[in-house]
Amino acid sequence: MSLNTIALELVPPNLEQGRERAIEEAQKVLKSSLEAGLEGRIKHVMIPGMIEEDGDRPIEMKPKMDVLDFWSIIKPELPGVNGLCTQVTAFSDEATLRDRLTTLRETGIDGIAFVGVPRTMSDGEGAGVAPTDALGIFDTLVDNRGVILIPTRDAEHGRFEFKCKQGATYGMTQLLYSDAIVDFLTGFAKGTEHRPEILLSFGFVPKLETKVGLIQWLIQDPGNAAVAAEQEFVRQLAATEPEQRRRLMVDLYKRVIDGVGELGFPMSVHFEPVYGVNTPSFETFAAMLDYWSPLTAYR
């Protein structure tokens, strides 16, 4: 069962900001959707389960509202929109995780991507359930079981194939600032019969990125030439005037959609306004969807 969706990432607000800020975020989504021509087209919000990461994060990580609490507040404000989320598994035992996943599903979360430890820890750390184990353990509880896909990461082919064998039904890509995903999936398709759905992730780059560098930090992989090229593209986008920036992002979107679309993978799109919801980011997302949308492609 494929999602065939347009998903918008919404990061839970800081815990100290409370319910009012959560409602404000939902209202921004409605306002920006209307102004950009996306009204009724966003079918899911993707809520990441935020955990503390490296101390060098450009924007301080303060305690965030829990995914379930945030979702319960914004869902009534966003009629016709269901949820996706990421769930860290490595710090919960099986019984605790089962209860959590059951509640997520009961509240309208259609897909859950299982993720592991932050970059400050090594794979396998944490006393809970490994993400790859969760894919099989909870296959009857969660129909749409996701994993993170980073096409520029070393040894990702083998990693992604193993996750598919374990039961992953979709892969949500890291933010894409090149068409490396096309070559990755081309090679992957030649070596395996697995055809999970791919949520292709695109992030809006505002001028503010020049000063803050949050996107640079999010996609970093020191020593990786492919990522260095993506970071350079992000710098170019941040320094470019809005109209040209939009053209560059739409051109990238076209290359990715055309390339992946020939390989037999179901496709959805996942948009991330990294610095917060606003109309300019939604206008760029709308321009992308004018070229291709899963809502019309799979009718």
Foldseek 3Di string as FASTA:
>chain_A
DDPLAEEEEDEFDAVVVPLVVLQVQLVLVCVLCVVQVNPPRHAEYEYEQDDDADPVQLDDDHHGDGPVVSCVSNVVSRPNHAYEYEDEFQAAAPVVVVVVLLVNVVSRHQEYEYDYDYPVDDQPDGNYDHRLQCQQVCCVSHVAYEYEQELLDPPRLVVVVSSVVSHHQEYEYQADQALSVLVSLVVSLVPDVDAHEYAHEHEDQELCCLVRVNSVVRQDDPPRVVSVVSVVSSVVLSPDDLVVSLVSRLVRLVSNCVRVVVRPHHYAYYYYHPVGRDNSSSNSVVSNVVVPGSVPVVD
